Amino acid sequence: MIGDIETIEEFLARHTSDVEEAVRQAAAAEIMPRFRQLAAHEVDQKSGPHDLVTDADRKAELYLTEVLPKLLPGSVVVGEEAVHANPASYEAIQEEAPVWIVDPVDGTRQFVHGDPGFCTLVALAHRGVVHASWTFAPARDQLATAIRGQGALLDGVPLRAGSPEPGRDLQVATSHPDYTTDEQKRALLGLWTDGVKPRACGSAGLEYLAIARGELDATAFSWEAAWDHAAGILLVEEAGGVHLTRAGEPFRITGGNALPFTAARDAATARRVVELLSGGA
């Protein structure tokens, strides 16, 4: 029992549009007014020059942290910026309460440079299972949604990942080298082979959307942070795609995955990427 709602499914049947409105309002109030308008004092580094945070990230996350638990009493928020401030708060993903997993600005580097390739990611999970996700690219006015077992939509139109065209090089978005260990670098080198065309990834959320739309064949990511992957993993699944770790298992938002892992348009592509990642280690 969650408040006066019996199940997550019942909550989603009643309140999916309310979550969508909250995501749109967070972007309208806190993100878009700062897009291409950031002052120097509104941008900070976290772990290094490629890991940025802005006032838009912080304030949009605070907005969603206030609104989302009111929609679903008893739920909690795990947000990227709150976890940076208090790493122990990430453990809520493992606990019993329903959890909103929030990345307020996925693609902060793009946002800072005035590139529209960023998005807000929200996923609703319970006991390690992602039940719904919202991927909103406000500069493009695109909203992708997924509900487990009910499919994926982009602006209300069903998404189908399909399969890569036979004989064409696989298009694979990969982790930036700055975010990989030496072992992961060796694994990713397996993708530099005939029949594969790897490139550095942008916003993880938008790369997952590209897979769900059939515009990108696969990813090869080397980090586990749930706010980057939870929404997109469900979006790809519900569009007919597949995700696998190097151990050949589905990616788990609760962690402990064999990295790097892939999300792909179909099972054959996922297996091919995993084989290449395993051969490169």
C-alpha atoms as a PDB file:
ATOM      1  CA  MET A   1       0.000   0.000   0.000  1.00  0.00           C
ATOM      2  CA  ILE A   2       1.426   3.408  -1.004  1.00  0.00           C
ATOM      3  CA  GLY A   3      -0.596   6.180   0.611  1.00  0.00           C
ATOM      4  CA  ASP A   4      -4.145   5.683  -0.617  1.00  0.00           C
ATOM      5  CA  ILE A   5      -2.933   4.079  -3.863  1.00  0.00           C
ATOM      6  CA  GLU A   6      -2.783   0.278  -3.859  1.00  0.00           C
ATOM      7  CA  THR A   7      -0.123  -0.258  -6.535  1.00  0.00           C
ATOM      8  CA  ILE A   8       2.397   1.606  -8.679  1.00  0.00           C
ATOM      9  CA  GLU A   9       0.285   0.638 -11.690  1.00  0.00           C
ATOM     10  CA  GLU A  10      -2.783   2.279 -10.173  1.00  0.00           C
ATOM     11  CA  PHE A  11      -0.789   5.399  -9.410  1.00  0.00           C
ATOM     12  CA  LEU A  12       0.444   5.588 -12.993  1.00  0.00           C
ATOM     13  CA  ALA A  13      -3.064   5.093 -14.367  1.00  0.00           C
ATOM     14  CA  ARG A  14      -4.174   8.160 -12.420  1.00  0.00           C
ATOM     15  CA  HIS A  15      -1.160  10.436 -12.371  1.00  0.00           C
ATOM     16  CA  THR A  16       1.114   9.959 -15.400  1.00  0.00           C
ATOM     17  CA  SER A  17      -0.001  13.286 -16.833  1.00  0.00           C
ATOM     18  CA  ASP A  18       0.684  14.990 -13.484  1.00  0.00           C
ATOM     19  CA  VAL A  19       4.274  13.744 -13.556  1.00  0.00           C
ATOM     20  CA  GLU A  20       4.628  14.969 -17.124  1.00  0.00           C
ATOM     21  CA  GLU A  21       3.369  18.383 -16.065  1.00  0.00           C
ATOM     22  CA  ALA A  22       5.848  18.501 -13.175  1.00  0.00           C
ATOM     23  CA  VAL A  23       8.742  17.704 -15.515  1.00  0.00           C
ATOM     24  CA  ARG A  24       7.641  20.351 -17.993  1.00  0.00           C
ATOM     25  CA  GLN A  25       7.174  22.937 -15.251  1.00  0.00           C
ATOM     26  CA  ALA A  26      10.618  22.259 -13.765  1.00  0.00           C
ATOM     27  CA  ALA A  27      12.158  22.890 -17.164  1.00  0.00           C
ATOM     28  CA  ALA A  28      10.055  25.974 -17.827  1.00  0.00           C
ATOM     29  CA  ALA A  29      10.742  27.525 -14.436  1.00  0.00           C
ATOM     30  CA  GLU A  30      14.365  26.611 -13.785  1.00  0.00           C
ATOM     31  CA  ILE A  31      16.119  25.330 -16.918  1.00  0.00           C
ATOM     32  CA  MET A  32      15.029  27.162 -20.043  1.00  0.00           C
ATOM     33  CA  PRO A  33      15.265  30.689 -18.558  1.00  0.00           C
ATOM     34  CA  ARG A  34      18.981  29.925 -17.993  1.00  0.00           C
ATOM     35  CA  PHE A  35      19.627  28.285 -21.373  1.00  0.00           C
ATOM     36  CA  ARG A  36      22.205  30.412 -23.211  1.00  0.00           C
ATOM     37  CA  GLN A  37      21.866  32.939 -20.365  1.00  0.00           C
ATOM     38  CA  LEU A  38      24.199  31.422 -17.746  1.00  0.00           C
ATOM     39  CA  ALA A  39      26.511  33.738 -15.855  1.00  0.00           C
ATOM     40  CA  ALA A  40      29.965  32.497 -14.865  1.00  0.00           C
ATOM     41  CA  HIS A  41      28.986  32.240 -11.203  1.00  0.00           C
ATOM     42  CA  GLU A  42      26.092  29.892 -12.109  1.00  0.00           C
ATOM     43  CA  VAL A  43      28.457  27.143 -13.358  1.00  0.00           C
ATOM     44  CA  ASP A  44      30.676  24.985 -11.137  1.00  0.00           C
ATOM     45  CA  GLN A  45      32.883  21.937 -11.563  1.00  0.00           C
ATOM     46  CA  LYS A  46      32.301  18.764  -9.570  1.00  0.00           C
ATOM     47  CA  SER A  47      34.926  16.056 -10.199  1.00  0.00           C
ATOM     48  CA  GLY A  48      36.643  17.906 -13.033  1.00  0.00           C
ATOM     49  CA  PRO A  49      36.263  20.139 -16.114  1.00  0.00           C
ATOM     50  CA  HIS A  50      34.023  17.605 -17.889  1.00  0.00           C
ATOM     51  CA  ASP A  51      31.742  17.230 -14.857  1.00  0.00           C
ATOM     52  CA  LEU A  52      29.781  20.457 -14.567  1.00  0.00           C
ATOM     53  CA  VAL A  53      26.826  21.584 -12.501  1.00  0.00           C
ATOM     54  CA  THR A  54      24.767  24.740 -12.898  1.00  0.00           C
ATOM     55  CA  ASP A  55      22.096  26.605 -11.018  1.00  0.00           C
ATOM     56  CA  ALA A  56      19.633  25.090 -13.500  1.00  0.00           C
ATOM     57  CA  ASP A  57      20.598  21.558 -12.371  1.00  0.00           C
ATOM     58  CA  ARG A  58      20.288  22.406  -8.688  1.00  0.00           C
ATOM     59  CA  LYS A  59      17.060  24.375  -8.853  1.00  0.00           C
ATOM     60  CA  ALA A  60      15.257  21.997 -11.238  1.00  0.00           C
ATOM     61  CA  GLU A  61      16.130  19.087  -8.964  1.00  0.00           C
ATOM     62  CA  LEU A  62      14.849  20.964  -5.923  1.00  0.00           C
ATOM     63  CA  TYR A  63      11.612  21.695  -7.795  1.00  0.00           C
ATOM     64  CA  LEU A  64      11.083  18.033  -8.662  1.00  0.00           C
ATOM     65  CA  THR A  65      12.116  16.896  -5.177  1.00  0.00           C
ATOM     66  CA  GLU A  66       9.326  19.012  -3.732  1.00  0.00           C
ATOM     67  CA  VAL A  67       6.623  18.102  -6.247  1.00  0.00           C
ATOM     68  CA  LEU A  68       7.053  14.394  -7.034  1.00  0.00           C
ATOM     69  CA  PRO A  69       6.661  12.938  -3.497  1.00  0.00           C
ATOM     70  CA  LYS A  70       3.458  14.942  -3.110  1.00  0.00           C
ATOM     71  CA  LEU A  71       2.042  13.103  -6.114  1.00  0.00           C
ATOM     72  CA  LEU A  72       2.998   9.730  -4.612  1.00  0.00           C
ATOM     73  CA  PRO A  73       2.952   9.871  -0.797  1.00  0.00           C
ATOM     74  CA  GLY A  74       5.601   7.649   0.760  1.00  0.00           C
ATOM     75  CA  SER A  75       7.951   7.940  -2.194  1.00  0.00           C
ATOM     76  CA  VAL A  76      11.439   9.446  -2.078  1.00  0.00           C
ATOM     77  CA  VAL A  77      13.707  11.192  -4.580  1.00  0.00           C
ATOM     78  CA  VAL A  78      17.217  10.181  -5.539  1.00  0.00           C
ATOM     79  CA  GLY A  79      18.642  13.074  -7.541  1.00  0.00           C
ATOM     80  CA  GLU A  80      22.095  13.507  -9.010  1.00  0.00           C
ATOM     81  CA  GLU A  81      22.870  16.756  -7.202  1.00  0.00           C
ATOM     82  CA  ALA A  82      21.529  15.597  -3.823  1.00  0.00           C
ATOM     83  CA  VAL A  83      23.635  12.443  -4.056  1.00  0.00           C
ATOM     84  CA  HIS A  84      26.703  14.536  -4.903  1.00  0.00           C
ATOM     85  CA  ALA A  85      26.084  16.445  -1.670  1.00  0.00           C
ATOM     86  CA  ASN A  86      25.228  13.315   0.358  1.00  0.00           C
ATOM     87  CA  PRO A  87      26.369  10.052  -1.299  1.00  0.00           C
ATOM     88  CA  ALA A  88      24.525   7.946   1.287  1.00  0.00           C
ATOM     89  CA  SER A  89      21.209   9.135  -0.121  1.00  0.00           C
ATOM     90  CA  TYR A  90      21.804   6.921  -3.174  1.00  0.00           C
ATOM     91  CA  GLU A  91      21.044   3.880  -1.025  1.00  0.00           C
ATOM     92  CA  ALA A  92      17.314   4.685  -1.222  1.00  0.00           C
ATOM     93  CA  ILE A  93      17.299   2.877  -4.589  1.00  0.00           C
ATOM     94  CA  GLN A  94      17.873  -0.357  -2.660  1.00  0.00           C
ATOM     95  CA  GLU A  95      15.152   0.258  -0.078  1.00  0.00           C
ATOM     96  CA  GLU A  96      11.409  -0.416   0.122  1.00  0.00           C
ATOM     97  CA  ALA A  97       9.941   2.981  -0.689  1.00  0.00           C
ATOM     98  CA  PRO A  98       9.102   3.859  -4.308  1.00  0.00           C
ATOM     99  CA  VAL A  99      11.870   6.074  -5.626  1.00  0.00           C
ATOM    100  CA  TRP A 100      11.936   8.880  -8.163  1.00  0.00           C
ATOM    101  CA  ILE A 101      15.313   8.815  -9.916  1.00  0.00           C
ATOM    102  CA  VAL A 102      16.058  12.307 -11.231  1.00  0.00           C
ATOM    103  CA  ASP A 103      18.694  13.821 -13.483  1.00  0.00           C
ATOM    104  CA  PRO A 104      17.584  17.451 -13.738  1.00  0.00           C
ATOM    105  CA  VAL A 105      19.867  18.314 -16.663  1.00  0.00           C
ATOM    106  CA  ASP A 106      21.357  15.306 -18.416  1.00  0.00           C
ATOM    107  CA  GLY A 107      23.973  16.721 -20.741  1.00  0.00           C
ATOM    108  CA  THR A 108      25.031  19.649 -18.566  1.00  0.00           C
ATOM    109  CA  ARG A 109      28.136  20.196 -20.690  1.00  0.00           C
ATOM    110  CA  GLN A 110      25.930  20.680 -23.764  1.00  0.00           C
ATOM    111  CA  PHE A 111      23.597  22.934 -21.778  1.00  0.00           C
ATOM    112  CA  VAL A 112      26.506  25.122 -20.656  1.00  0.00           C
ATOM    113  CA  HIS A 113      27.737  25.469 -24.238  1.00  0.00           C
ATOM    114  CA  GLY A 114      24.322  26.461 -25.559  1.00  0.00           C
ATOM    115  CA  ASP A 115      23.763  23.154 -27.367  1.00  0.00           C
ATOM    116  CA  PRO A 116      20.114  21.931 -27.291  1.00  0.00           C
ATOM    117  CA  GLY A 117      21.260  18.319 -26.792  1.00  0.00           C
ATOM    118  CA  PHE A 118      20.252  18.005 -23.127  1.00  0.00           C
ATOM    119  CA  CYS A 119      17.220  16.638 -21.302  1.00  0.00           C
ATOM    120  CA  THR A 120      15.532  16.117 -17.965  1.00  0.00           C
ATOM    121  CA  LEU A 121      15.254  12.475 -16.890  1.00  0.00           C
ATOM    122  CA  VAL A 122      12.766  11.105 -14.359  1.00  0.00           C
ATOM    123  CA  ALA A 123      12.142   7.440 -13.629  1.00  0.00           C
ATOM    124  CA  LEU A 124       9.850   5.817 -11.074  1.00  0.00           C
ATOM    125  CA  ALA A 125      11.257   2.612  -9.608  1.00  0.00           C
ATOM    126  CA  HIS A 126      10.265   0.226  -6.840  1.00  0.00           C
ATOM    127  CA  ARG A 127      12.377  -2.614  -5.445  1.00  0.00           C
ATOM    128  CA  GLY A 128      14.876  -2.262  -8.266  1.00  0.00           C
ATOM    129  CA  VAL A 129      12.313  -2.344 -11.080  1.00  0.00           C
ATOM    130  CA  VAL A 130      11.754   0.738 -13.248  1.00  0.00           C
ATOM    131  CA  HIS A 131       8.018   1.156 -13.821  1.00  0.00           C
ATOM    132  CA  ALA A 132       7.836   4.426 -15.758  1.00  0.00           C
ATOM    133  CA  SER A 133      10.084   7.059 -17.271  1.00  0.00           C
ATOM    134  CA  TRP A 134       9.983  10.555 -18.682  1.00  0.00           C
ATOM    135  CA  THR A 135      12.675  11.970 -20.996  1.00  0.00           C
ATOM    136  CA  PHE A 136      12.070  15.632 -21.752  1.00  0.00           C
ATOM    137  CA  ALA A 137      14.286  17.624 -24.119  1.00  0.00           C
ATOM    138  CA  PRO A 138      12.963  21.139 -23.464  1.00  0.00           C
ATOM    139  CA  ALA A 139      15.073  22.960 -26.057  1.00  0.00           C
ATOM    140  CA  ARG A 140      13.621  20.596 -28.665  1.00  0.00           C
ATOM    141  CA  ASP A 141      10.170  20.386 -27.040  1.00  0.00           C
ATOM    142  CA  GLN A 142      10.278  16.578 -27.192  1.00  0.00           C
ATOM    143  CA  LEU A 143       8.859  14.306 -24.505  1.00  0.00           C
ATOM    144  CA  ALA A 144       9.428  10.555 -24.538  1.00  0.00           C
ATOM    145  CA  THR A 145       7.561   8.389 -22.030  1.00  0.00           C
ATOM    146  CA  ALA A 146       7.504   4.719 -21.178  1.00  0.00           C
ATOM    147  CA  ILE A 147       5.364   2.640 -18.836  1.00  0.00           C
ATOM    148  CA  ARG A 148       6.390  -0.952 -18.194  1.00  0.00           C
ATOM    149  CA  GLY A 149       4.316  -3.290 -20.305  1.00  0.00           C
ATOM    150  CA  GLN A 150       2.554  -0.452 -22.129  1.00  0.00           C
ATOM    151  CA  GLY A 151       5.134   0.655 -24.679  1.00  0.00           C
ATOM    152  CA  ALA A 152       7.113   3.811 -25.348  1.00  0.00           C
ATOM    153  CA  LEU A 153       5.954   7.071 -26.895  1.00  0.00           C
ATOM    154  CA  LEU A 154       7.560  10.194 -28.301  1.00  0.00           C
ATOM    155  CA  ASP A 155       5.138  13.097 -28.198  1.00  0.00           C
ATOM    156  CA  GLY A 156       2.314  10.573 -28.125  1.00  0.00           C
ATOM    157  CA  VAL A 157       3.560   8.527 -31.104  1.00  0.00           C
ATOM    158  CA  PRO A 158       4.640   4.899 -30.459  1.00  0.00           C
ATOM    159  CA  LEU A 159       8.368   4.196 -30.640  1.00  0.00           C
ATOM    160  CA  ARG A 160       9.835   1.055 -32.198  1.00  0.00           C
ATOM    161  CA  ALA A 161      13.575   0.500 -32.156  1.00  0.00           C
ATOM    162  CA  GLY A 162      13.545  -2.058 -34.964  1.00  0.00           C
ATOM    163  CA  SER A 163      16.789  -3.696 -36.125  1.00  0.00           C
ATOM    164  CA  PRO A 164      19.886  -2.339 -37.875  1.00  0.00           C
ATOM    165  CA  GLU A 165      19.980  -2.579 -41.631  1.00  0.00           C
ATOM    166  CA  PRO A 166      21.956  -5.693 -42.668  1.00  0.00           C
ATOM    167  CA  GLY A 167      25.421  -4.928 -43.989  1.00  0.00           C
ATOM    168  CA  ARG A 168      25.593  -1.428 -42.538  1.00  0.00           C
ATOM    169  CA  ASP A 169      28.165  -0.494 -39.894  1.00  0.00           C
ATOM    170  CA  LEU A 170      26.717  -0.506 -36.382  1.00  0.00           C
ATOM    171  CA  GLN A 171      26.472   3.010 -34.963  1.00  0.00           C
ATOM    172  CA  VAL A 172      27.517   2.823 -31.288  1.00  0.00           C
ATOM    173  CA  ALA A 173      27.739   5.690 -28.778  1.00  0.00           C
ATOM    174  CA  THR A 174      30.441   5.060 -26.161  1.00  0.00           C
ATOM    175  CA  SER A 175      31.577   6.481 -22.836  1.00  0.00           C
ATOM    176  CA  HIS A 176      33.979   9.411 -22.867  1.00  0.00           C
ATOM    177  CA  PRO A 177      37.522   8.135 -22.060  1.00  0.00           C
ATOM    178  CA  ASP A 178      37.684  10.486 -19.071  1.00  0.00           C
ATOM    179  CA  TYR A 179      35.029   8.366 -17.357  1.00  0.00           C
ATOM    180  CA  THR A 180      36.590   4.942 -17.906  1.00  0.00           C
ATOM    181  CA  THR A 181      39.101   2.810 -16.036  1.00  0.00           C
ATOM    182  CA  ASP A 182      42.051   1.253 -17.867  1.00  0.00           C
ATOM    183  CA  GLU A 183      40.219  -2.080 -17.985  1.00  0.00           C
ATOM    184  CA  GLN A 184      37.117  -0.431 -19.415  1.00  0.00           C
ATOM    185  CA  LYS A 185      39.214   1.395 -22.017  1.00  0.00           C
ATOM    186  CA  ARG A 186      40.587  -1.971 -23.147  1.00  0.00           C
ATOM    187  CA  ALA A 187      37.056  -3.373 -23.328  1.00  0.00           C
ATOM    188  CA  LEU A 188      35.795  -0.414 -25.368  1.00  0.00           C
ATOM    189  CA  LEU A 189      38.700  -0.828 -27.808  1.00  0.00           C
ATOM    190  CA  GLY A 190      36.932  -3.989 -28.931  1.00  0.00           C
ATOM    191  CA  LEU A 191      34.437  -1.760 -30.741  1.00  0.00           C
ATOM    192  CA  TRP A 192      37.125  -0.369 -33.040  1.00  0.00           C
ATOM    193  CA  THR A 193      36.686  -3.107 -35.617  1.00  0.00           C
ATOM    194  CA  ASP A 194      35.216  -3.695 -39.038  1.00  0.00           C
ATOM    195  CA  GLY A 195      31.454  -3.323 -39.123  1.00  0.00           C
ATOM    196  CA  VAL A 196      31.235  -0.952 -36.157  1.00  0.00           C
ATOM    197  CA  LYS A 197      31.371   2.825 -36.111  1.00  0.00           C
ATOM    198  CA  PRO A 198      31.839   4.015 -32.501  1.00  0.00           C
ATOM    199  CA  ARG A 199      31.552   7.642 -31.436  1.00  0.00           C
ATOM    200  CA  ALA A 200      31.629   9.538 -28.149  1.00  0.00           C
ATOM    201  CA  CYS A 201      28.239   9.849 -26.489  1.00  0.00           C
ATOM    202  CA  GLY A 202      26.398  13.046 -25.711  1.00  0.00           C
ATOM    203  CA  SER A 203      23.498  13.181 -23.265  1.00  0.00           C
ATOM    204  CA  ALA A 204      22.906   9.573 -22.181  1.00  0.00           C
ATOM    205  CA  GLY A 205      19.165  10.149 -22.072  1.00  0.00           C
ATOM    206  CA  LEU A 206      19.085  11.369 -25.654  1.00  0.00           C
ATOM    207  CA  GLU A 207      21.273   8.474 -26.815  1.00  0.00           C
ATOM    208  CA  TYR A 208      18.715   6.069 -25.331  1.00  0.00           C
ATOM    209  CA  LEU A 209      15.978   7.980 -27.129  1.00  0.00           C
ATOM    210  CA  ALA A 210      17.920   7.667 -30.392  1.00  0.00           C
ATOM    211  CA  ILE A 211      18.004   3.873 -29.925  1.00  0.00           C
ATOM    212  CA  ALA A 212      14.271   3.776 -29.203  1.00  0.00           C
ATOM    213  CA  ARG A 213      13.700   5.773 -32.403  1.00  0.00           C
ATOM    214  CA  GLY A 214      15.934   3.475 -34.462  1.00  0.00           C
ATOM    215  CA  GLU A 215      18.427   6.262 -35.157  1.00  0.00           C
ATOM    216  CA  LEU A 216      21.307   4.738 -33.132  1.00  0.00           C
ATOM    217  CA  ASP A 217      22.100   1.038 -32.965  1.00  0.00           C
ATOM    218  CA  ALA A 218      23.628   0.703 -29.502  1.00  0.00           C
ATOM    219  CA  THR A 219      25.468   2.275 -26.595  1.00  0.00           C
ATOM    220  CA  ALA A 220      28.504   1.066 -24.657  1.00  0.00           C
ATOM    221  CA  PHE A 221      28.534   2.772 -21.268  1.00  0.00           C
ATOM    222  CA  SER A 222      31.007   2.259 -18.444  1.00  0.00           C
ATOM    223  CA  TRP A 223      29.250   3.847 -15.457  1.00  0.00           C
ATOM    224  CA  GLU A 224      26.231   2.835 -13.385  1.00  0.00           C
ATOM    225  CA  ALA A 225      24.692   6.069 -12.020  1.00  0.00           C
ATOM    226  CA  ALA A 226      20.985   5.271 -12.055  1.00  0.00           C
ATOM    227  CA  TRP A 227      19.895   8.825 -12.915  1.00  0.00           C
ATOM    228  CA  ASP A 228      21.666   8.519 -16.288  1.00  0.00           C
ATOM    229  CA  HIS A 229      20.265   5.090 -17.193  1.00  0.00           C
ATOM    230  CA  ALA A 230      16.981   4.259 -15.443  1.00  0.00           C
ATOM    231  CA  ALA A 231      14.708   6.313 -17.701  1.00  0.00           C
ATOM    232  CA  GLY A 232      16.461   5.351 -20.916  1.00  0.00           C
ATOM    233  CA  ILE A 233      16.752   1.647 -20.153  1.00  0.00           C
ATOM    234  CA  LEU A 234      12.976   1.382 -19.784  1.00  0.00           C
ATOM    235  CA  LEU A 235      12.409   3.536 -22.875  1.00  0.00           C
ATOM    236  CA  VAL A 236      14.587   1.198 -24.951  1.00  0.00           C
ATOM    237  CA  GLU A 237      12.941  -1.923 -23.479  1.00  0.00           C
ATOM    238  CA  GLU A 238       9.447  -0.676 -24.197  1.00  0.00           C
ATOM    239  CA  ALA A 239      10.467   0.241 -27.762  1.00  0.00           C
ATOM    240  CA  GLY A 240      11.538  -3.375 -28.286  1.00  0.00           C
ATOM    241  CA  GLY A 241      15.233  -3.027 -27.513  1.00  0.00           C
ATOM    242  CA  VAL A 242      17.517  -4.948 -25.180  1.00  0.00           C
ATOM    243  CA  HIS A 243      20.163  -4.130 -22.571  1.00  0.00           C
ATOM    244  CA  LEU A 244      22.981  -6.438 -21.481  1.00  0.00           C
ATOM    245  CA  THR A 245      26.070  -6.219 -19.300  1.00  0.00           C
ATOM    246  CA  ARG A 246      29.361  -7.897 -20.124  1.00  0.00           C
ATOM    247  CA  ALA A 247      28.119 -10.829 -18.041  1.00  0.00           C
ATOM    248  CA  GLY A 248      25.218 -11.258 -20.476  1.00  0.00           C
ATOM    249  CA  GLU A 249      22.667 -10.116 -17.893  1.00  0.00           C
ATOM    250  CA  PRO A 250      20.191  -7.222 -18.015  1.00  0.00           C
ATOM    251  CA  PHE A 251      21.490  -3.989 -16.490  1.00  0.00           C
ATOM    252  CA  ARG A 252      20.366  -3.474 -12.877  1.00  0.00           C
ATOM    253  CA  ILE A 253      19.734   0.024 -11.546  1.00  0.00           C
ATOM    254  CA  THR A 254      20.669  -1.255  -8.085  1.00  0.00           C
ATOM    255  CA  GLY A 255      24.268  -1.707  -9.250  1.00  0.00           C
ATOM    256  CA  GLY A 256      26.816  -4.521  -9.253  1.00  0.00           C
ATOM    257  CA  ASN A 257      26.833  -4.744 -13.053  1.00  0.00           C
ATOM    258  CA  ALA A 258      29.702  -6.106 -15.153  1.00  0.00           C
ATOM    259  CA  LEU A 259      30.840  -3.033 -17.068  1.00  0.00           C
ATOM    260  CA  PRO A 260      30.796  -1.733 -19.735  1.00  0.00           C
ATOM    261  CA  PHE A 261      27.191  -2.578 -20.648  1.00  0.00           C
ATOM    262  CA  THR A 262      25.102  -1.999 -23.744  1.00  0.00           C
ATOM    263  CA  ALA A 263      21.592  -0.998 -24.706  1.00  0.00           C
ATOM    264  CA  ALA A 264      20.708  -1.867 -28.284  1.00  0.00           C
ATOM    265  CA  ARG A 265      17.915  -1.899 -30.826  1.00  0.00           C
ATOM    266  CA  ASP A 266      17.574  -5.687 -30.740  1.00  0.00           C
ATOM    267  CA  ALA A 267      18.961  -8.773 -29.014  1.00  0.00           C
ATOM    268  CA  ALA A 268      21.363  -9.701 -31.805  1.00  0.00           C
ATOM    269  CA  THR A 269      22.964  -6.259 -31.721  1.00  0.00           C
ATOM    270  CA  ALA A 270      23.225  -6.339 -27.925  1.00  0.00           C
ATOM    271  CA  ARG A 271      24.956  -9.729 -28.049  1.00  0.00           C
ATOM    272  CA  ARG A 272      27.344  -8.522 -30.759  1.00  0.00           C
ATOM    273  CA  VAL A 273      28.351  -5.467 -28.738  1.00  0.00           C
ATOM    274  CA  VAL A 274      28.852  -7.555 -25.578  1.00  0.00           C
ATOM    275  CA  GLU A 275      31.024 -10.021 -27.528  1.00  0.00           C
ATOM    276  CA  LEU A 276      33.190  -7.164 -28.772  1.00  0.00           C
ATOM    277  CA  LEU A 277      33.450  -5.626 -25.304  1.00  0.00           C
ATOM    278  CA  SER A 278      34.433  -8.982 -23.820  1.00  0.00           C
ATOM    279  CA  GLY A 279      36.973  -9.658 -26.539  1.00  0.00           C
ATOM    280  CA  GLY A 280      38.600  -6.286 -26.018  1.00  0.00           C
ATOM    281  CA  ALA A 281      39.360  -6.803 -22.316  1.00  0.00           C
END
